[in-house]
Amino acid sequence: MRSLFNPEGKAMLFFTKIAYSAYLNLLWLLCCLPVVTAGASTTALFYVTLKLAKDEEGSLTKSFFRAFRQNFRKATLIWLILLAGGIVLALDGYVFYHMRFENVFWTIGTAVFLVALAAYAIVLMYVFPLLARFENTVRAMFLNSLMLGMRFLFCTIAMAAVYFLMAFVVINVFTPAVIFGEGLCALLCSRLLANILLLCEEKARPEEVL
């Protein structure tokens, strides 16, 4: 029992980071409210959770808002591109679902749509963690996100599972779990991404790392 309440023990560190994830989720939600700032908010969230994954806590609030300001312009541009792409994919999905023709053109179109949807999901999961850690052009961020997602497929599947399970729990099991929401998802995904980003850092020039 003593080890359970030991401030330096693994159990207390675990619960502390869970509490951090709830606090960060609140910051993320507040900074996402204008919608257009969701990209900058997500980048700031991953900036902090990637540090937490390496046990580099520091000041959560200061780190979050510093990253929010530093990445605002690029993150907002990336988010608006993703938002527009998501709207297009949603409309395409609606059309394909309601126009189910049993012919080769519908089959090919559906296949292309599913590939595009998978690529979109990969970029959406990787681009903001990359932006939180590296400086690069918007085009390079998109390409690197897609390449990393395909190269480290197990990590990609695990990250997708994290988001799916969180959505499932909130919707079907325990709605108050929304208090952890994106904060906990980002923390878990940061754990999965830690070694991958470390590998990227070793290959990147020192001046490219924030």
N, C-alpha and C. Protein backbone atom coordinates (compact mmCIF):
# COMPACT_ATOMS: atom_id res chain seq x y z
N MET A 1 0.82 -1.21 0.00
CA MET A 1 0.00 0.00 0.00
C MET A 1 0.86 1.26 0.00
N ARG A 2 2.02 1.19 0.72
CA ARG A 2 2.87 2.37 0.76
C ARG A 2 3.36 2.76 -0.62
N SER A 3 3.71 1.75 -1.41
CA SER A 3 4.21 2.04 -2.77
C SER A 3 3.15 2.66 -3.64
N LEU A 4 1.88 2.36 -3.34
CA LEU A 4 0.78 2.91 -4.13
C LEU A 4 0.69 4.42 -3.95
N PHE A 5 0.97 4.91 -2.73
CA PHE A 5 0.86 6.34 -2.45
C PHE A 5 2.21 7.05 -2.45
N ASN A 6 3.24 6.36 -2.85
CA ASN A 6 4.56 6.97 -2.96
C ASN A 6 4.58 7.97 -4.12
N PRO A 7 4.87 9.26 -3.86
CA PRO A 7 4.85 10.26 -4.94
C PRO A 7 5.78 9.92 -6.10
N GLU A 8 6.84 9.16 -5.81
CA GLU A 8 7.79 8.79 -6.85
C GLU A 8 7.48 7.43 -7.47
N GLY A 9 6.45 6.78 -6.96
CA GLY A 9 6.10 5.45 -7.45
C GLY A 9 5.42 5.49 -8.80
N LYS A 10 5.45 4.36 -9.49
CA LYS A 10 4.87 4.29 -10.83
C LYS A 10 3.37 4.50 -10.81
N ALA A 11 2.71 4.01 -9.76
CA ALA A 11 1.25 4.15 -9.69
C ALA A 11 0.85 5.62 -9.60
N MET A 12 1.51 6.37 -8.72
CA MET A 12 1.19 7.79 -8.57
C MET A 12 1.55 8.58 -9.82
N LEU A 13 2.65 8.25 -10.45
CA LEU A 13 3.02 8.92 -11.71
C LEU A 13 1.99 8.66 -12.78
N PHE A 14 1.46 7.43 -12.79
CA PHE A 14 0.43 7.07 -13.77
C PHE A 14 -0.83 7.91 -13.54
N PHE A 15 -1.31 7.97 -12.30
CA PHE A 15 -2.52 8.73 -11.99
C PHE A 15 -2.31 10.23 -12.19
N THR A 16 -1.10 10.69 -11.94
CA THR A 16 -0.79 12.10 -12.16
C THR A 16 -0.92 12.46 -13.63
N LYS A 17 -0.41 11.59 -14.49
CA LYS A 17 -0.48 11.86 -15.93
C LYS A 17 -1.91 11.74 -16.46
N ILE A 18 -2.69 10.87 -15.85
CA ILE A 18 -4.11 10.79 -16.21
C ILE A 18 -4.80 12.11 -15.86
N ALA A 19 -4.47 12.64 -14.68
CA ALA A 19 -5.03 13.93 -14.27
C ALA A 19 -4.56 15.04 -15.22
N TYR A 20 -3.30 15.00 -15.60
CA TYR A 20 -2.78 15.97 -16.57
C TYR A 20 -3.57 15.91 -17.88
N SER A 21 -3.89 14.69 -18.31
CA SER A 21 -4.60 14.54 -19.58
C SER A 21 -5.98 15.19 -19.52
N ALA A 22 -6.65 15.11 -18.36
CA ALA A 22 -7.96 15.76 -18.21
C ALA A 22 -7.81 17.27 -18.28
N TYR A 23 -6.78 17.80 -17.63
CA TYR A 23 -6.54 19.25 -17.65
C TYR A 23 -6.20 19.73 -19.06
N LEU A 24 -5.34 18.98 -19.74
CA LEU A 24 -4.98 19.33 -21.11
C LEU A 24 -6.16 19.23 -22.06
N ASN A 25 -7.04 18.26 -21.80
CA ASN A 25 -8.24 18.13 -22.62
C ASN A 25 -9.12 19.37 -22.49
N LEU A 26 -9.20 19.91 -21.27
CA LEU A 26 -9.96 21.13 -21.05
C LEU A 26 -9.35 22.31 -21.80
N LEU A 27 -8.03 22.46 -21.72
CA LEU A 27 -7.35 23.52 -22.46
C LEU A 27 -7.59 23.37 -23.96
N TRP A 28 -7.49 22.13 -24.43
CA TRP A 28 -7.68 21.85 -25.86
C TRP A 28 -9.09 22.23 -26.30
N LEU A 29 -10.09 21.85 -25.50
CA LEU A 29 -11.48 22.17 -25.86
C LEU A 29 -11.71 23.68 -25.88
N LEU A 30 -11.20 24.39 -24.90
CA LEU A 30 -11.38 25.84 -24.84
C LEU A 30 -10.75 26.53 -26.04
N CYS A 31 -9.57 26.06 -26.44
CA CYS A 31 -8.87 26.68 -27.57
C CYS A 31 -9.40 26.21 -28.92
N CYS A 32 -10.25 25.19 -28.92
CA CYS A 32 -10.87 24.72 -30.17
C CYS A 32 -12.20 25.41 -30.45
N LEU A 33 -12.71 26.15 -29.47
CA LEU A 33 -14.06 26.70 -29.60
C LEU A 33 -14.30 27.53 -30.86
N PRO A 34 -13.36 28.36 -31.30
CA PRO A 34 -13.61 29.09 -32.55
C PRO A 34 -13.57 28.20 -33.80
N VAL A 35 -13.29 26.91 -33.65
CA VAL A 35 -13.21 25.91 -34.72
C VAL A 35 -11.95 26.09 -35.57
N VAL A 36 -11.73 27.29 -36.09
CA VAL A 36 -10.57 27.52 -36.96
C VAL A 36 -9.26 27.38 -36.19
N THR A 37 -9.31 27.45 -34.87
CA THR A 37 -8.10 27.33 -34.07
C THR A 37 -7.84 25.89 -33.61
N ALA A 38 -8.66 24.95 -34.09
CA ALA A 38 -8.52 23.55 -33.65
C ALA A 38 -7.15 22.97 -34.00
N GLY A 39 -6.59 23.37 -35.13
CA GLY A 39 -5.28 22.88 -35.54
C GLY A 39 -4.19 23.33 -34.59
N ALA A 40 -4.20 24.61 -34.25
CA ALA A 40 -3.20 25.15 -33.33
C ALA A 40 -3.36 24.54 -31.94
N SER A 41 -4.61 24.32 -31.53
CA SER A 41 -4.87 23.72 -30.22
C SER A 41 -4.38 22.28 -30.16
N THR A 42 -4.61 21.53 -31.23
CA THR A 42 -4.17 20.14 -31.27
C THR A 42 -2.65 20.04 -31.31
N THR A 43 -2.02 20.94 -32.04
CA THR A 43 -0.56 20.97 -32.08
C THR A 43 0.01 21.27 -30.71
N ALA A 44 -0.58 22.24 -30.02
CA ALA A 44 -0.12 22.59 -28.67
C ALA A 44 -0.33 21.40 -27.72
N LEU A 45 -1.44 20.71 -27.86
CA LEU A 45 -1.72 19.55 -27.02
C LEU A 45 -0.64 18.48 -27.20
N PHE A 46 -0.30 18.18 -28.45
CA PHE A 46 0.72 17.17 -28.71
C PHE A 46 2.11 17.64 -28.30
N TYR A 47 2.34 18.93 -28.38
CA TYR A 47 3.64 19.45 -27.92
C TYR A 47 3.85 19.09 -26.44
N VAL A 48 2.79 19.25 -25.65
CA VAL A 48 2.89 18.96 -24.22
C VAL A 48 2.89 17.46 -23.96
N THR A 49 2.01 16.71 -24.61
CA THR A 49 1.93 15.27 -24.33
C THR A 49 3.17 14.52 -24.81
N LEU A 50 3.82 15.02 -25.86
CA LEU A 50 5.07 14.40 -26.28
C LEU A 50 6.16 14.61 -25.24
N LYS A 51 6.12 15.75 -24.55
CA LYS A 51 7.05 15.97 -23.45
C LYS A 51 6.70 15.08 -22.26
N LEU A 52 5.40 14.93 -22.00
CA LEU A 52 4.97 14.05 -20.91
C LEU A 52 5.39 12.61 -21.17
N ALA A 53 5.35 12.22 -22.43
CA ALA A 53 5.74 10.85 -22.80
C ALA A 53 7.20 10.60 -22.51
N LYS A 54 8.00 11.69 -22.50
CA LYS A 54 9.43 11.57 -22.18
C LYS A 54 9.72 11.99 -20.74
N ASP A 55 8.64 12.10 -19.93
CA ASP A 55 8.77 12.50 -18.53
C ASP A 55 9.40 13.87 -18.38
N GLU A 56 9.03 14.79 -19.27
CA GLU A 56 9.50 16.17 -19.20
C GLU A 56 8.30 17.08 -18.97
N GLU A 57 7.74 17.03 -17.76
CA GLU A 57 6.50 17.74 -17.49
C GLU A 57 6.61 19.25 -17.69
N GLY A 58 7.39 19.93 -16.84
CA GLY A 58 7.47 21.38 -16.90
C GLY A 58 6.12 22.00 -16.56
N SER A 59 5.90 23.22 -17.00
CA SER A 59 4.62 23.90 -16.78
C SER A 59 3.68 23.57 -17.95
N LEU A 60 2.61 22.85 -17.66
CA LEU A 60 1.69 22.43 -18.72
C LEU A 60 1.05 23.63 -19.42
N THR A 61 0.56 24.56 -18.62
CA THR A 61 -0.16 25.71 -19.18
C THR A 61 0.76 26.58 -20.04
N LYS A 62 1.94 26.91 -19.51
CA LYS A 62 2.87 27.76 -20.27
C LYS A 62 3.32 27.06 -21.55
N SER A 63 3.63 25.79 -21.44
CA SER A 63 4.07 25.05 -22.63
C SER A 63 2.98 24.98 -23.67
N PHE A 64 1.75 24.76 -23.22
CA PHE A 64 0.62 24.66 -24.15
C PHE A 64 0.44 25.96 -24.93
N PHE A 65 0.36 27.07 -24.22
CA PHE A 65 0.07 28.34 -24.90
C PHE A 65 1.28 28.86 -25.68
N ARG A 66 2.49 28.52 -25.25
CA ARG A 66 3.66 28.89 -26.05
C ARG A 66 3.63 28.16 -27.39
N ALA A 67 3.35 26.86 -27.37
CA ALA A 67 3.26 26.09 -28.60
C ALA A 67 2.08 26.55 -29.45
N PHE A 68 0.99 26.93 -28.80
CA PHE A 68 -0.19 27.43 -29.51
C PHE A 68 0.17 28.67 -30.32
N ARG A 69 0.88 29.60 -29.69
CA ARG A 69 1.27 30.84 -30.37
C ARG A 69 2.30 30.58 -31.48
N GLN A 70 3.30 29.78 -31.18
CA GLN A 70 4.39 29.56 -32.13
C GLN A 70 3.92 28.85 -33.40
N ASN A 71 2.97 27.96 -33.28
CA ASN A 71 2.53 27.16 -34.43
C ASN A 71 1.20 27.61 -35.02
N PHE A 72 0.68 28.73 -34.54
CA PHE A 72 -0.68 29.13 -34.89
C PHE A 72 -0.92 29.22 -36.39
N ARG A 73 -0.08 29.96 -37.10
CA ARG A 73 -0.32 30.22 -38.52
C ARG A 73 -0.27 28.94 -39.35
N LYS A 74 0.79 28.18 -39.17
CA LYS A 74 0.94 26.96 -39.97
C LYS A 74 -0.09 25.91 -39.58
N ALA A 75 -0.34 25.76 -38.29
CA ALA A 75 -1.32 24.78 -37.83
C ALA A 75 -2.72 25.13 -38.32
N THR A 76 -3.04 26.42 -38.34
CA THR A 76 -4.36 26.84 -38.81
C THR A 76 -4.52 26.57 -40.30
N LEU A 77 -3.47 26.85 -41.07
CA LEU A 77 -3.52 26.57 -42.51
C LEU A 77 -3.71 25.07 -42.76
N ILE A 78 -2.95 24.25 -42.06
CA ILE A 78 -3.07 22.79 -42.20
C ILE A 78 -4.47 22.34 -41.82
N TRP A 79 -5.00 22.88 -40.72
CA TRP A 79 -6.32 22.49 -40.26
C TRP A 79 -7.41 22.88 -41.27
N LEU A 80 -7.31 24.06 -41.85
CA LEU A 80 -8.32 24.49 -42.82
C LEU A 80 -8.28 23.62 -44.07
N ILE A 81 -7.08 23.21 -44.48
CA ILE A 81 -6.96 22.29 -45.62
C ILE A 81 -7.60 20.95 -45.27
N LEU A 82 -7.32 20.45 -44.07
CA LEU A 82 -7.90 19.17 -43.63
C LEU A 82 -9.42 19.28 -43.48
N LEU A 83 -9.88 20.40 -42.98
CA LEU A 83 -11.32 20.60 -42.81
C LEU A 83 -12.03 20.59 -44.16
N ALA A 84 -11.44 21.29 -45.13
CA ALA A 84 -12.02 21.30 -46.47
C ALA A 84 -12.00 19.90 -47.08
N GLY A 85 -10.87 19.20 -46.91
CA GLY A 85 -10.78 17.83 -47.41
C GLY A 85 -11.78 16.90 -46.74
N GLY A 86 -11.98 17.08 -45.44
CA GLY A 86 -12.94 16.26 -44.72
C GLY A 86 -14.36 16.49 -45.20
N ILE A 87 -14.70 17.74 -45.49
CA ILE A 87 -16.04 18.05 -46.00
C ILE A 87 -16.26 17.39 -47.36
N VAL A 88 -15.25 17.47 -48.22
CA VAL A 88 -15.34 16.84 -49.55
C VAL A 88 -15.51 15.33 -49.42
N LEU A 89 -14.72 14.70 -48.54
CA LEU A 89 -14.82 13.26 -48.34
C LEU A 89 -16.17 12.87 -47.76
N ALA A 90 -16.70 13.68 -46.86
CA ALA A 90 -18.01 13.39 -46.27
C ALA A 90 -19.10 13.44 -47.33
N LEU A 91 -19.03 14.44 -48.21
CA LEU A 91 -20.02 14.55 -49.29
C LEU A 91 -19.88 13.38 -50.27
N ASP A 92 -18.65 13.01 -50.60
CA ASP A 92 -18.42 11.87 -51.49
C ASP A 92 -18.95 10.58 -50.87
N GLY A 93 -18.69 10.41 -49.57
CA GLY A 93 -19.18 9.22 -48.88
C GLY A 93 -20.69 9.15 -48.89
N TYR A 94 -21.33 10.29 -48.70
CA TYR A 94 -22.79 10.34 -48.72
C TYR A 94 -23.33 9.93 -50.09
N VAL A 95 -22.69 10.45 -51.13
CA VAL A 95 -23.12 10.13 -52.50
C VAL A 95 -22.90 8.66 -52.81
N PHE A 96 -21.72 8.14 -52.48
CA PHE A 96 -21.44 6.73 -52.77
C PHE A 96 -22.36 5.79 -52.00
N TYR A 97 -22.72 6.19 -50.77
CA TYR A 97 -23.59 5.33 -49.95
C TYR A 97 -25.01 5.28 -50.50
N HIS A 98 -25.49 6.40 -51.00
CA HIS A 98 -26.87 6.46 -51.49
C HIS A 98 -27.02 6.18 -52.97
N MET A 99 -25.91 6.00 -53.68
CA MET A 99 -25.97 5.68 -55.11
C MET A 99 -25.24 4.37 -55.35
N ARG A 100 -25.75 3.33 -54.73
CA ARG A 100 -25.10 2.03 -54.82
C ARG A 100 -25.48 1.32 -56.11
N PHE A 101 -24.64 1.49 -57.12
CA PHE A 101 -24.87 0.83 -58.40
C PHE A 101 -23.93 -0.37 -58.52
N GLU A 102 -24.46 -1.46 -58.97
CA GLU A 102 -23.65 -2.65 -59.12
C GLU A 102 -22.99 -2.66 -60.50
N ASN A 103 -22.02 -1.79 -60.67
CA ASN A 103 -21.27 -1.76 -61.92
C ASN A 103 -19.81 -1.43 -61.61
N VAL A 104 -18.96 -1.58 -62.62
CA VAL A 104 -17.53 -1.44 -62.41
C VAL A 104 -17.13 -0.02 -62.03
N PHE A 105 -17.84 0.98 -62.53
CA PHE A 105 -17.49 2.37 -62.25
C PHE A 105 -17.75 2.71 -60.77
N TRP A 106 -18.87 2.22 -60.23
CA TRP A 106 -19.17 2.46 -58.83
C TRP A 106 -18.15 1.73 -57.94
N THR A 107 -17.76 0.53 -58.34
CA THR A 107 -16.79 -0.25 -57.57
C THR A 107 -15.43 0.44 -57.54
N ILE A 108 -14.99 0.92 -58.70
CA ILE A 108 -13.70 1.62 -58.78
C ILE A 108 -13.76 2.92 -57.98
N GLY A 109 -14.87 3.65 -58.14
CA GLY A 109 -15.02 4.91 -57.41
C GLY A 109 -15.01 4.71 -55.91
N THR A 110 -15.67 3.65 -55.45
CA THR A 110 -15.70 3.35 -54.02
C THR A 110 -14.31 2.98 -53.51
N ALA A 111 -13.58 2.21 -54.31
CA ALA A 111 -12.22 1.82 -53.93
C ALA A 111 -11.32 3.04 -53.79
N VAL A 112 -11.41 3.96 -54.76
CA VAL A 112 -10.61 5.18 -54.71
C VAL A 112 -11.00 6.02 -53.49
N PHE A 113 -12.29 6.08 -53.21
CA PHE A 113 -12.77 6.83 -52.05
C PHE A 113 -12.22 6.26 -50.74
N LEU A 114 -12.23 4.94 -50.61
CA LEU A 114 -11.73 4.29 -49.39
C LEU A 114 -10.23 4.51 -49.20
N VAL A 115 -9.48 4.48 -50.30
CA VAL A 115 -8.04 4.75 -50.23
C VAL A 115 -7.81 6.20 -49.78
N ALA A 116 -8.57 7.12 -50.37
CA ALA A 116 -8.44 8.53 -50.01
C ALA A 116 -8.82 8.76 -48.55
N LEU A 117 -9.84 8.04 -48.09
CA LEU A 117 -10.27 8.17 -46.70
C LEU A 117 -9.20 7.66 -45.73
N ALA A 118 -8.56 6.55 -46.09
CA ALA A 118 -7.49 6.00 -45.26
C ALA A 118 -6.30 6.96 -45.21
N ALA A 119 -5.94 7.53 -46.36
CA ALA A 119 -4.83 8.49 -46.41
C ALA A 119 -5.15 9.73 -45.58
N TYR A 120 -6.39 10.17 -45.65
CA TYR A 120 -6.83 11.34 -44.88
C TYR A 120 -6.71 11.07 -43.38
N ALA A 121 -7.16 9.89 -42.96
CA ALA A 121 -7.11 9.52 -41.54
C ALA A 121 -5.66 9.46 -41.04
N ILE A 122 -4.77 8.92 -41.87
CA ILE A 122 -3.36 8.82 -41.49
C ILE A 122 -2.76 10.21 -41.30
N VAL A 123 -3.00 11.08 -42.26
CA VAL A 123 -2.47 12.45 -42.17
C VAL A 123 -3.03 13.16 -40.94
N LEU A 124 -4.32 12.99 -40.70
CA LEU A 124 -4.97 13.64 -39.56
C LEU A 124 -4.36 13.22 -38.23
N MET A 125 -3.95 11.95 -38.13
CA MET A 125 -3.37 11.44 -36.89
C MET A 125 -1.92 11.87 -36.70
N TYR A 126 -1.19 12.04 -37.79
CA TYR A 126 0.25 12.28 -37.70
C TYR A 126 0.69 13.74 -37.86
N VAL A 127 -0.07 14.52 -38.59
CA VAL A 127 0.44 15.83 -38.99
C VAL A 127 0.64 16.79 -37.82
N PHE A 128 -0.26 16.78 -36.85
CA PHE A 128 -0.12 17.72 -35.73
C PHE A 128 0.99 17.32 -34.75
N PRO A 129 1.17 16.01 -34.45
CA PRO A 129 2.36 15.64 -33.67
C PRO A 129 3.66 16.01 -34.36
N LEU A 130 3.72 15.85 -35.69
CA LEU A 130 4.92 16.23 -36.43
C LEU A 130 5.15 17.74 -36.37
N LEU A 131 4.07 18.49 -36.53
CA LEU A 131 4.19 19.94 -36.48
C LEU A 131 4.62 20.40 -35.10
N ALA A 132 4.19 19.69 -34.06
CA ALA A 132 4.57 20.04 -32.70
C ALA A 132 6.06 19.82 -32.44
N ARG A 133 6.66 18.97 -33.25
CA ARG A 133 8.06 18.59 -32.98
C ARG A 133 9.05 19.11 -34.02
N PHE A 134 8.59 19.34 -35.26
CA PHE A 134 9.50 19.70 -36.34
C PHE A 134 9.05 20.96 -37.07
N GLU A 135 10.02 21.62 -37.66
CA GLU A 135 9.76 22.77 -38.52
C GLU A 135 9.92 22.34 -39.96
N ASN A 136 8.89 22.55 -40.78
CA ASN A 136 8.95 22.16 -42.18
C ASN A 136 7.84 22.86 -42.94
N THR A 137 7.83 22.72 -44.27
CA THR A 137 6.78 23.32 -45.07
C THR A 137 5.47 22.55 -44.88
N VAL A 138 4.37 23.18 -45.22
CA VAL A 138 3.06 22.53 -45.10
C VAL A 138 3.00 21.30 -45.99
N ARG A 139 3.49 21.42 -47.21
CA ARG A 139 3.50 20.28 -48.14
C ARG A 139 4.31 19.12 -47.58
N ALA A 140 5.48 19.43 -47.03
CA ALA A 140 6.34 18.39 -46.47
C ALA A 140 5.67 17.73 -45.26
N MET A 141 4.94 18.52 -44.47
CA MET A 141 4.24 17.96 -43.31
C MET A 141 3.21 16.92 -43.75
N PHE A 142 2.46 17.23 -44.79
CA PHE A 142 1.47 16.29 -45.30
C PHE A 142 2.13 15.02 -45.83
N LEU A 143 3.17 15.19 -46.63
CA LEU A 143 3.86 14.04 -47.21
C LEU A 143 4.52 13.18 -46.14
N ASN A 144 5.20 13.82 -45.20
CA ASN A 144 5.87 13.07 -44.14
C ASN A 144 4.86 12.33 -43.26
N SER A 145 3.73 12.95 -43.01
CA SER A 145 2.68 12.30 -42.21
C SER A 145 2.20 11.03 -42.90
N LEU A 146 1.95 11.13 -44.19
CA LEU A 146 1.46 9.98 -44.94
C LEU A 146 2.51 8.87 -45.00
N MET A 147 3.75 9.24 -45.24
CA MET A 147 4.82 8.24 -45.34
C MET A 147 5.07 7.55 -44.00
N LEU A 148 5.08 8.33 -42.92
CA LEU A 148 5.28 7.73 -41.60
C LEU A 148 4.14 6.79 -41.23
N GLY A 149 2.92 7.23 -41.54
CA GLY A 149 1.75 6.42 -41.24
C GLY A 149 1.76 5.08 -41.96
N MET A 150 2.24 5.08 -43.19
CA MET A 150 2.30 3.83 -43.96
C MET A 150 3.50 2.98 -43.56
N ARG A 151 4.59 3.65 -43.21
CA ARG A 151 5.79 2.89 -42.83
C ARG A 151 5.60 2.19 -41.49
N PHE A 152 5.03 2.93 -40.52
CA PHE A 152 4.83 2.37 -39.18
C PHE A 152 3.35 2.01 -39.03
N LEU A 153 2.95 1.02 -39.78
CA LEU A 153 1.54 0.67 -39.87
C LEU A 153 0.97 0.18 -38.54
N PHE A 154 1.77 -0.56 -37.77
CA PHE A 154 1.29 -1.04 -36.47
C PHE A 154 0.95 0.13 -35.56
N CYS A 155 1.82 1.13 -35.53
CA CYS A 155 1.57 2.32 -34.73
C CYS A 155 0.31 3.04 -35.20
N THR A 156 0.15 3.12 -36.51
CA THR A 156 -1.03 3.78 -37.08
C THR A 156 -2.31 3.08 -36.66
N ILE A 157 -2.30 1.76 -36.73
CA ILE A 157 -3.48 0.98 -36.33
C ILE A 157 -3.76 1.15 -34.84
N ALA A 158 -2.68 1.15 -34.04
CA ALA A 158 -2.84 1.31 -32.59
C ALA A 158 -3.41 2.69 -32.25
N MET A 159 -2.94 3.74 -32.94
CA MET A 159 -3.46 5.08 -32.71
C MET A 159 -4.93 5.18 -33.09
N ALA A 160 -5.28 4.58 -34.22
CA ALA A 160 -6.68 4.57 -34.66
C ALA A 160 -7.54 3.85 -33.63
N ALA A 161 -7.02 2.76 -33.06
CA ALA A 161 -7.75 2.01 -32.04
C ALA A 161 -7.97 2.85 -30.78
N VAL A 162 -6.98 3.66 -30.41
CA VAL A 162 -7.11 4.54 -29.24
C VAL A 162 -8.28 5.49 -29.43
N TYR A 163 -8.33 6.15 -30.59
CA TYR A 163 -9.42 7.10 -30.85
C TYR A 163 -10.77 6.39 -30.94
N PHE A 164 -10.78 5.22 -31.57
CA PHE A 164 -12.03 4.47 -31.71
C PHE A 164 -12.55 4.05 -30.33
N LEU A 165 -11.66 3.52 -29.49
CA LEU A 165 -12.08 3.06 -28.16
C LEU A 165 -12.58 4.22 -27.30
N MET A 166 -11.91 5.37 -27.39
CA MET A 166 -12.37 6.52 -26.62
C MET A 166 -13.76 6.94 -27.07
N ALA A 167 -13.99 7.01 -28.37
CA ALA A 167 -15.31 7.37 -28.89
C ALA A 167 -16.36 6.35 -28.47
N PHE A 168 -16.00 5.06 -28.52
CA PHE A 168 -16.94 4.00 -28.15
C PHE A 168 -17.31 4.10 -26.68
N VAL A 169 -16.31 4.31 -25.81
CA VAL A 169 -16.56 4.40 -24.37
C VAL A 169 -17.45 5.60 -24.06
N VAL A 170 -17.14 6.75 -24.65
CA VAL A 170 -17.90 7.97 -24.38
C VAL A 170 -19.34 7.83 -24.86
N ILE A 171 -19.53 7.24 -26.03
CA ILE A 171 -20.87 7.15 -26.62
C ILE A 171 -21.70 6.02 -26.02
N ASN A 172 -21.07 4.88 -25.76
CA ASN A 172 -21.84 3.70 -25.40
C ASN A 172 -21.68 3.19 -23.97
N VAL A 173 -20.61 3.60 -23.28
CA VAL A 173 -20.33 3.00 -21.98
C VAL A 173 -20.41 4.01 -20.84
N PHE A 174 -19.59 5.06 -20.91
CA PHE A 174 -19.47 6.00 -19.79
C PHE A 174 -19.24 7.40 -20.34
N THR A 175 -20.32 8.12 -20.55
CA THR A 175 -20.24 9.44 -21.17
C THR A 175 -19.33 10.42 -20.43
N PRO A 176 -19.29 10.43 -19.07
CA PRO A 176 -18.38 11.37 -18.37
C PRO A 176 -16.91 11.18 -18.71
N ALA A 177 -16.56 10.06 -19.36
CA ALA A 177 -15.16 9.85 -19.77
C ALA A 177 -14.72 10.89 -20.78
N VAL A 178 -15.68 11.66 -21.29
CA VAL A 178 -15.35 12.73 -22.23
C VAL A 178 -14.42 13.76 -21.59
N ILE A 179 -14.39 13.79 -20.26
CA ILE A 179 -13.51 14.73 -19.56
C ILE A 179 -12.04 14.47 -19.90
N PHE A 180 -11.72 13.22 -20.25
CA PHE A 180 -10.34 12.88 -20.66
C PHE A 180 -10.17 13.05 -22.17
N GLY A 181 -11.13 12.60 -22.94
CA GLY A 181 -11.22 12.81 -24.37
C GLY A 181 -9.92 12.86 -25.14
N GLU A 182 -9.74 13.95 -25.87
CA GLU A 182 -8.57 14.12 -26.72
C GLU A 182 -7.28 14.19 -25.92
N GLY A 183 -7.36 14.67 -24.68
CA GLY A 183 -6.16 14.76 -23.86
C GLY A 183 -5.54 13.40 -23.60
N LEU A 184 -6.37 12.43 -23.22
CA LEU A 184 -5.88 11.09 -22.96
C LEU A 184 -5.46 10.41 -24.26
N CYS A 185 -6.24 10.61 -25.32
CA CYS A 185 -5.88 10.03 -26.62
C CYS A 185 -4.51 10.54 -27.08
N ALA A 186 -4.29 11.84 -26.94
CA ALA A 186 -3.00 12.43 -27.34
C ALA A 186 -1.86 11.89 -26.50
N LEU A 187 -2.11 11.70 -25.20
CA LEU A 187 -1.06 11.18 -24.32
C LEU A 187 -0.69 9.75 -24.70
N LEU A 188 -1.70 8.91 -24.96
CA LEU A 188 -1.45 7.52 -25.35
C LEU A 188 -0.77 7.45 -26.72
N CYS A 189 -1.22 8.29 -27.65
CA CYS A 189 -0.62 8.30 -28.99
C CYS A 189 0.81 8.84 -28.93
N SER A 190 1.07 9.77 -28.02
CA SER A 190 2.43 10.29 -27.86
C SER A 190 3.36 9.20 -27.38
N ARG A 191 2.86 8.32 -26.51
CA ARG A 191 3.64 7.17 -26.07
C ARG A 191 4.00 6.29 -27.26
N LEU A 192 3.03 6.07 -28.13
CA LEU A 192 3.25 5.23 -29.31
C LEU A 192 4.22 5.90 -30.29
N LEU A 193 4.15 7.22 -30.37
CA LEU A 193 4.95 7.97 -31.35
C LEU A 193 6.36 8.31 -30.87
N ALA A 194 6.60 8.17 -29.57
CA ALA A 194 7.86 8.66 -28.99
C ALA A 194 9.09 8.13 -29.71
N ASN A 195 9.18 6.83 -29.90
CA ASN A 195 10.36 6.24 -30.54
C ASN A 195 10.43 6.59 -32.03
N ILE A 196 9.27 6.69 -32.67
CA ILE A 196 9.24 7.03 -34.09
C ILE A 196 9.77 8.45 -34.30
N LEU A 197 9.32 9.38 -33.49
CA LEU A 197 9.78 10.77 -33.61
C LEU A 197 11.24 10.90 -33.22
N LEU A 198 11.67 10.08 -32.27
CA LEU A 198 13.09 10.08 -31.91
C LEU A 198 13.94 9.65 -33.09
N LEU A 199 13.47 8.66 -33.82
CA LEU A 199 14.16 8.20 -35.02
C LEU A 199 14.20 9.31 -36.07
N CYS A 200 13.10 10.05 -36.19
CA CYS A 200 13.05 11.16 -37.14
C CYS A 200 14.01 12.27 -36.73
N GLU A 201 14.10 12.51 -35.44
CA GLU A 201 15.01 13.54 -34.93
C GLU A 201 16.46 13.21 -35.24
N GLU A 202 16.79 11.95 -35.15
CA GLU A 202 18.17 11.52 -35.42
C GLU A 202 18.54 11.72 -36.88
N LYS A 203 17.53 11.64 -37.76
CA LYS A 203 17.79 11.81 -39.18
C LYS A 203 17.68 13.27 -39.62
N ALA A 204 17.01 14.07 -38.79
CA ALA A 204 16.81 15.49 -39.15
C ALA A 204 18.03 16.32 -38.76
N ARG A 205 18.20 17.44 -39.41
CA ARG A 205 19.27 18.36 -39.01
C ARG A 205 18.91 18.97 -37.67
N PRO A 206 19.88 19.26 -36.81
CA PRO A 206 19.59 19.78 -35.47
C PRO A 206 18.75 21.04 -35.49
N GLU A 207 18.94 21.91 -36.48
CA GLU A 207 18.21 23.16 -36.51
C GLU A 207 16.75 22.99 -36.88
N GLU A 208 16.35 21.80 -37.37
CA GLU A 208 14.97 21.58 -37.75
C GLU A 208 14.11 21.18 -36.57
N VAL A 209 14.73 20.81 -35.45
CA VAL A 209 13.97 20.36 -34.29
C VAL A 209 13.67 21.55 -33.41
N LEU A 210 12.39 21.71 -33.02
CA LEU A 210 12.01 22.85 -32.19
C LEU A 210 12.56 22.69 -30.79
